[in-house]
Amino acid sequence: MSRQFYNQQGFLTFAINSGTTDYLRLAYLQALNIKDTQKIKNVSVIVDQATLAQVTDKHRKVFDHIIPTNKLDNPFANEWHAWWLTPYKETVKVESDLLFTRSIDHWWHAFRLHDVCMSHGCRNYKQELSTVRKYRQVFDSNLLPDVYNGLMYFRYSEVSKKFFNTARDIFDN
């Protein structure tokens, strides 16, 4: 298992535009936010071919890496690609609509205790545990842990490779 990386640590997001949402715009604003609030300022975006056609010089200036991939039928089926596409040895993968209100630099030390870390128990802006289950039905009906990939950490390791291989198998089957 050997691969070329551009940086030790960085943030990664997907921007695959839909008919109703400009995820490239959200990812661009997020990248500006990360560069303003975090000490680790490396930000990369994964885009499909249609979104890649919308990338301009302003995007190229703020993203450290723009990584094209093929769009899948299900926009949520792209998450497993993160392990193979990240340019970082340690990656915080965030959904493109997430913004930071302060630095999370101290989290990197806690993340390093594990090969893969996922958030759980989603909270709203009032710090109340969310009871919305609209997008969690598959988790509830299959008795799966209430994890969220909106913010997750993984590092290049055999354990994380196995995790993402399993995620790929679940999406494929």
C-alpha atoms as a PDB file:
ATOM      1  CA  MET A   1       0.000   0.000   0.000  1.00  0.00           C
ATOM      2  CA  SER A   2       1.821   3.090  -1.235  1.00  0.00           C
ATOM      3  CA  ARG A   3       0.591   6.358  -2.655  1.00  0.00           C
ATOM      4  CA  GLN A   4       1.801   9.865  -3.469  1.00  0.00           C
ATOM      5  CA  PHE A   5       0.328  12.624  -1.268  1.00  0.00           C
ATOM      6  CA  TYR A   6       0.588  16.368  -1.702  1.00  0.00           C
ATOM      7  CA  ASN A   7       0.137  17.327   1.954  1.00  0.00           C
ATOM      8  CA  GLN A   8       0.030  15.679   5.369  1.00  0.00           C
ATOM      9  CA  GLN A   9      -3.354  17.142   6.381  1.00  0.00           C
ATOM     10  CA  GLY A  10      -6.256  18.827   4.677  1.00  0.00           C
ATOM     11  CA  PHE A  11      -9.968  19.252   4.189  1.00  0.00           C
ATOM     12  CA  LEU A  12     -11.894  17.532   1.409  1.00  0.00           C
ATOM     13  CA  THR A  13     -15.419  18.104   0.113  1.00  0.00           C
ATOM     14  CA  PHE A  14     -17.604  17.044  -2.789  1.00  0.00           C
ATOM     15  CA  ALA A  15     -19.191  19.589  -5.131  1.00  0.00           C
ATOM     16  CA  ILE A  16     -21.459  17.754  -7.535  1.00  0.00           C
ATOM     17  CA  ASN A  17     -24.104  20.243  -8.575  1.00  0.00           C
ATOM     18  CA  SER A  18     -27.726  19.206  -8.716  1.00  0.00           C
ATOM     19  CA  GLY A  19     -30.646  20.796 -10.521  1.00  0.00           C
ATOM     20  CA  THR A  20     -31.511  22.727  -7.359  1.00  0.00           C
ATOM     21  CA  THR A  21     -28.232  23.268  -5.515  1.00  0.00           C
ATOM     22  CA  ASP A  22     -24.982  24.911  -6.563  1.00  0.00           C
ATOM     23  CA  TYR A  23     -22.605  22.788  -4.498  1.00  0.00           C
ATOM     24  CA  LEU A  24     -19.580  24.362  -6.166  1.00  0.00           C
ATOM     25  CA  ARG A  25     -20.635  27.736  -4.735  1.00  0.00           C
ATOM     26  CA  LEU A  26     -21.126  26.189  -1.304  1.00  0.00           C
ATOM     27  CA  ALA A  27     -17.724  24.475  -1.469  1.00  0.00           C
ATOM     28  CA  TYR A  28     -16.078  27.721  -2.568  1.00  0.00           C
ATOM     29  CA  LEU A  29     -17.562  29.608   0.400  1.00  0.00           C
ATOM     30  CA  GLN A  30     -16.546  26.757   2.676  1.00  0.00           C
ATOM     31  CA  ALA A  31     -12.954  26.887   1.394  1.00  0.00           C
ATOM     32  CA  LEU A  32     -12.812  30.618   2.119  1.00  0.00           C
ATOM     33  CA  ASN A  33     -14.198  29.869   5.588  1.00  0.00           C
ATOM     34  CA  ILE A  34     -11.602  27.167   6.265  1.00  0.00           C
ATOM     35  CA  LYS A  35      -8.753  29.362   5.097  1.00  0.00           C
ATOM     36  CA  ASP A  36     -10.014  32.112   7.429  1.00  0.00           C
ATOM     37  CA  THR A  37     -10.653  30.018  10.562  1.00  0.00           C
ATOM     38  CA  GLN A  38      -8.207  27.085  10.520  1.00  0.00           C
ATOM     39  CA  LYS A  39      -4.438  26.762  10.842  1.00  0.00           C
ATOM     40  CA  ILE A  40      -4.517  23.861   8.389  1.00  0.00           C
ATOM     41  CA  LYS A  41      -5.641  25.650   5.245  1.00  0.00           C
ATOM     42  CA  ASN A  42      -5.374  22.883   2.635  1.00  0.00           C
ATOM     43  CA  VAL A  43      -8.756  22.499   0.928  1.00  0.00           C
ATOM     44  CA  SER A  44      -9.591  20.197  -1.973  1.00  0.00           C
ATOM     45  CA  VAL A  45     -12.827  19.642  -3.842  1.00  0.00           C
ATOM     46  CA  ILE A  46     -14.049  16.613  -5.782  1.00  0.00           C
ATOM     47  CA  VAL A  47     -16.231  17.517  -8.776  1.00  0.00           C
ATOM     48  CA  ASP A  48     -18.007  15.658 -11.555  1.00  0.00           C
ATOM     49  CA  GLN A  49     -17.434  16.590 -15.214  1.00  0.00           C
ATOM     50  CA  ALA A  50     -20.460  18.932 -15.414  1.00  0.00           C
ATOM     51  CA  THR A  51     -19.376  20.830 -12.297  1.00  0.00           C
ATOM     52  CA  LEU A  52     -15.769  20.876 -13.504  1.00  0.00           C
ATOM     53  CA  ALA A  53     -16.959  22.819 -16.553  1.00  0.00           C
ATOM     54  CA  GLN A  54     -18.169  25.552 -14.179  1.00  0.00           C
ATOM     55  CA  VAL A  55     -14.838  25.933 -12.372  1.00  0.00           C
ATOM     56  CA  THR A  56     -13.318  29.393 -12.905  1.00  0.00           C
ATOM     57  CA  ASP A  57     -10.077  31.114 -11.956  1.00  0.00           C
ATOM     58  CA  LYS A  58     -11.597  32.260  -8.648  1.00  0.00           C
ATOM     59  CA  HIS A  59     -12.137  28.600  -7.728  1.00  0.00           C
ATOM     60  CA  ARG A  60      -8.624  27.634  -8.820  1.00  0.00           C
ATOM     61  CA  LYS A  61      -7.210  30.368  -6.567  1.00  0.00           C
ATOM     62  CA  VAL A  62      -8.937  29.141  -3.409  1.00  0.00           C
ATOM     63  CA  PHE A  63      -8.880  25.332  -3.819  1.00  0.00           C
ATOM     64  CA  ASP A  64      -5.532  23.641  -3.435  1.00  0.00           C
ATOM     65  CA  HIS A  65      -6.719  20.723  -5.573  1.00  0.00           C
ATOM     66  CA  ILE A  66      -9.728  20.323  -7.863  1.00  0.00           C
ATOM     67  CA  ILE A  67     -10.238  16.604  -8.361  1.00  0.00           C
ATOM     68  CA  PRO A  68     -12.541  15.435 -11.178  1.00  0.00           C
ATOM     69  CA  THR A  69     -14.494  12.177 -10.933  1.00  0.00           C
ATOM     70  CA  ASN A  70     -17.331  10.560 -12.838  1.00  0.00           C
ATOM     71  CA  LYS A  71     -20.813  11.370 -11.572  1.00  0.00           C
ATOM     72  CA  LEU A  72     -22.829   8.459 -10.289  1.00  0.00           C
ATOM     73  CA  ASP A  73     -26.608   8.104 -10.458  1.00  0.00           C
ATOM     74  CA  ASN A  74     -26.958   8.588  -6.705  1.00  0.00           C
ATOM     75  CA  PRO A  75     -25.166  11.723  -5.461  1.00  0.00           C
ATOM     76  CA  PHE A  76     -24.708  10.101  -2.041  1.00  0.00           C
ATOM     77  CA  ALA A  77     -22.889   7.172  -3.626  1.00  0.00           C
ATOM     78  CA  ASN A  78     -19.741   9.235  -4.100  1.00  0.00           C
ATOM     79  CA  GLU A  79     -18.626   9.295  -0.473  1.00  0.00           C
ATOM     80  CA  TRP A  80     -16.693   6.046  -0.657  1.00  0.00           C
ATOM     81  CA  HIS A  81     -14.438   7.584  -3.321  1.00  0.00           C
ATOM     82  CA  ALA A  82     -12.914   9.963  -0.773  1.00  0.00           C
ATOM     83  CA  TRP A  83     -10.246   7.513   0.386  1.00  0.00           C
ATOM     84  CA  TRP A  84      -8.932   7.015  -3.160  1.00  0.00           C
ATOM     85  CA  LEU A  85      -9.190  10.648  -4.251  1.00  0.00           C
ATOM     86  CA  THR A  86      -7.893  12.590  -1.264  1.00  0.00           C
ATOM     87  CA  PRO A  87      -4.521  14.274  -1.773  1.00  0.00           C
ATOM     88  CA  TYR A  88      -3.836  14.131   1.998  1.00  0.00           C
ATOM     89  CA  LYS A  89      -2.429  11.511   4.350  1.00  0.00           C
ATOM     90  CA  GLU A  90      -4.932  12.742   6.941  1.00  0.00           C
ATOM     91  CA  THR A  91      -8.278  14.029   5.711  1.00  0.00           C
ATOM     92  CA  VAL A  92     -11.211  15.797   7.295  1.00  0.00           C
ATOM     93  CA  LYS A  93     -14.033  15.178   4.830  1.00  0.00           C
ATOM     94  CA  VAL A  94     -16.837  17.706   5.200  1.00  0.00           C
ATOM     95  CA  GLU A  95     -20.102  18.213   3.375  1.00  0.00           C
ATOM     96  CA  SER A  96     -19.945  21.393   1.334  1.00  0.00           C
ATOM     97  CA  ASP A  97     -22.673  23.164   3.321  1.00  0.00           C
ATOM     98  CA  LEU A  98     -20.725  22.994   6.599  1.00  0.00           C
ATOM     99  CA  LEU A  99     -19.049  26.155   7.919  1.00  0.00           C
ATOM    100  CA  PHE A 100     -16.739  26.542  10.902  1.00  0.00           C
ATOM    101  CA  THR A 101     -17.425  29.221  13.487  1.00  0.00           C
ATOM    102  CA  ARG A 102     -14.028  28.694  15.111  1.00  0.00           C
ATOM    103  CA  SER A 103     -10.857  26.706  14.778  1.00  0.00           C
ATOM    104  CA  ILE A 104     -10.973  22.927  15.155  1.00  0.00           C
ATOM    105  CA  ASP A 105      -7.192  22.618  15.012  1.00  0.00           C
ATOM    106  CA  HIS A 106      -7.100  20.866  18.391  1.00  0.00           C
ATOM    107  CA  TRP A 107      -9.379  18.113  17.000  1.00  0.00           C
ATOM    108  CA  TRP A 108      -6.587  16.791  14.795  1.00  0.00           C
ATOM    109  CA  HIS A 109      -4.833  15.405  17.910  1.00  0.00           C
ATOM    110  CA  ALA A 110      -7.986  13.513  18.957  1.00  0.00           C
ATOM    111  CA  PHE A 111      -8.619  12.312  15.405  1.00  0.00           C
ATOM    112  CA  ARG A 112      -5.183  10.729  15.284  1.00  0.00           C
ATOM    113  CA  LEU A 113      -6.186   8.270  17.999  1.00  0.00           C
ATOM    114  CA  HIS A 114      -8.263   6.473  15.335  1.00  0.00           C
ATOM    115  CA  ASP A 115      -7.942   5.574  11.676  1.00  0.00           C
ATOM    116  CA  VAL A 116     -11.532   6.658  10.941  1.00  0.00           C
ATOM    117  CA  CYS A 117     -13.692   9.017  13.020  1.00  0.00           C
ATOM    118  CA  MET A 118     -17.303   9.832  12.215  1.00  0.00           C
ATOM    119  CA  SER A 119     -19.587  12.295  13.923  1.00  0.00           C
ATOM    120  CA  HIS A 120     -22.800  11.107  15.552  1.00  0.00           C
ATOM    121  CA  GLY A 121     -25.791  12.540  17.352  1.00  0.00           C
ATOM    122  CA  CYS A 122     -26.378  15.559  15.133  1.00  0.00           C
ATOM    123  CA  ARG A 123     -27.230  18.821  16.919  1.00  0.00           C
ATOM    124  CA  ASN A 124     -28.969  21.959  15.706  1.00  0.00           C
ATOM    125  CA  TYR A 125     -27.736  25.532  16.054  1.00  0.00           C
ATOM    126  CA  LYS A 126     -29.170  25.658  19.611  1.00  0.00           C
ATOM    127  CA  GLN A 127     -27.005  22.641  20.561  1.00  0.00           C
ATOM    128  CA  GLU A 128     -30.120  20.485  20.909  1.00  0.00           C
ATOM    129  CA  LEU A 129     -29.948  16.882  19.766  1.00  0.00           C
ATOM    130  CA  SER A 130     -31.768  16.688  16.443  1.00  0.00           C
ATOM    131  CA  THR A 131     -34.851  14.490  16.330  1.00  0.00           C
ATOM    132  CA  VAL A 132     -35.292  14.791  12.550  1.00  0.00           C
ATOM    133  CA  ARG A 133     -35.177  11.289  11.080  1.00  0.00           C
ATOM    134  CA  LYS A 134     -36.126  12.062   7.456  1.00  0.00           C
ATOM    135  CA  TYR A 135     -32.696  11.132   6.098  1.00  0.00           C
ATOM    136  CA  ARG A 136     -31.971   8.516   8.764  1.00  0.00           C
ATOM    137  CA  GLN A 137     -34.656   5.954   7.892  1.00  0.00           C
ATOM    138  CA  VAL A 138     -32.216   3.454   6.371  1.00  0.00           C
ATOM    139  CA  PHE A 139     -30.144   3.657   9.568  1.00  0.00           C
ATOM    140  CA  ASP A 140     -33.187   3.214  11.802  1.00  0.00           C
ATOM    141  CA  SER A 141     -34.720   0.334   9.850  1.00  0.00           C
ATOM    142  CA  ASN A 142     -31.396  -1.549   9.707  1.00  0.00           C
ATOM    143  CA  LEU A 143     -30.444  -0.844  13.348  1.00  0.00           C
ATOM    144  CA  LEU A 144     -27.252   0.917  12.228  1.00  0.00           C
ATOM    145  CA  PRO A 145     -25.293   3.366  14.390  1.00  0.00           C
ATOM    146  CA  ASP A 146     -26.497   6.965  14.091  1.00  0.00           C
ATOM    147  CA  VAL A 147     -23.325   8.220  12.390  1.00  0.00           C
ATOM    148  CA  TYR A 148     -23.022  11.209  10.082  1.00  0.00           C
ATOM    149  CA  ASN A 149     -20.463  11.612   7.340  1.00  0.00           C
ATOM    150  CA  GLY A 150     -21.046  15.374   7.198  1.00  0.00           C
ATOM    151  CA  LEU A 151     -17.776  15.680   9.093  1.00  0.00           C
ATOM    152  CA  MET A 152     -15.467  12.725   9.266  1.00  0.00           C
ATOM    153  CA  TYR A 153     -11.753  12.062   9.585  1.00  0.00           C
ATOM    154  CA  PHE A 154      -9.676   9.328   8.048  1.00  0.00           C
ATOM    155  CA  ARG A 155      -6.014   8.716   7.579  1.00  0.00           C
ATOM    156  CA  TYR A 156      -4.211   6.579   5.063  1.00  0.00           C
ATOM    157  CA  SER A 157      -4.039   3.151   6.686  1.00  0.00           C
ATOM    158  CA  GLU A 158      -5.075  -0.458   6.175  1.00  0.00           C
ATOM    159  CA  VAL A 159      -7.978   0.036   8.602  1.00  0.00           C
ATOM    160  CA  SER A 160      -9.368   3.030   6.717  1.00  0.00           C
ATOM    161  CA  LYS A 161      -8.877   1.257   3.393  1.00  0.00           C
ATOM    162  CA  LYS A 162     -10.928  -1.668   4.703  1.00  0.00           C
ATOM    163  CA  PHE A 163     -13.617   0.760   5.931  1.00  0.00           C
ATOM    164  CA  PHE A 164     -13.919   2.471   2.532  1.00  0.00           C
ATOM    165  CA  ASN A 165     -13.834  -0.853   0.676  1.00  0.00           C
ATOM    166  CA  THR A 166     -16.766  -1.971   2.818  1.00  0.00           C
ATOM    167  CA  ALA A 167     -18.600   1.309   2.124  1.00  0.00           C
ATOM    168  CA  ARG A 168     -18.029   0.786  -1.605  1.00  0.00           C
ATOM    169  CA  ASP A 169     -19.359  -2.774  -1.395  1.00  0.00           C
ATOM    170  CA  ILE A 170     -22.483  -1.566   0.387  1.00  0.00           C
ATOM    171  CA  PHE A 171     -23.176   1.058  -2.303  1.00  0.00           C
ATOM    172  CA  ASP A 172     -22.443  -1.380  -5.116  1.00  0.00           C
ATOM    173  CA  ASN A 173     -24.636  -4.134  -3.685  1.00  0.00           C
END
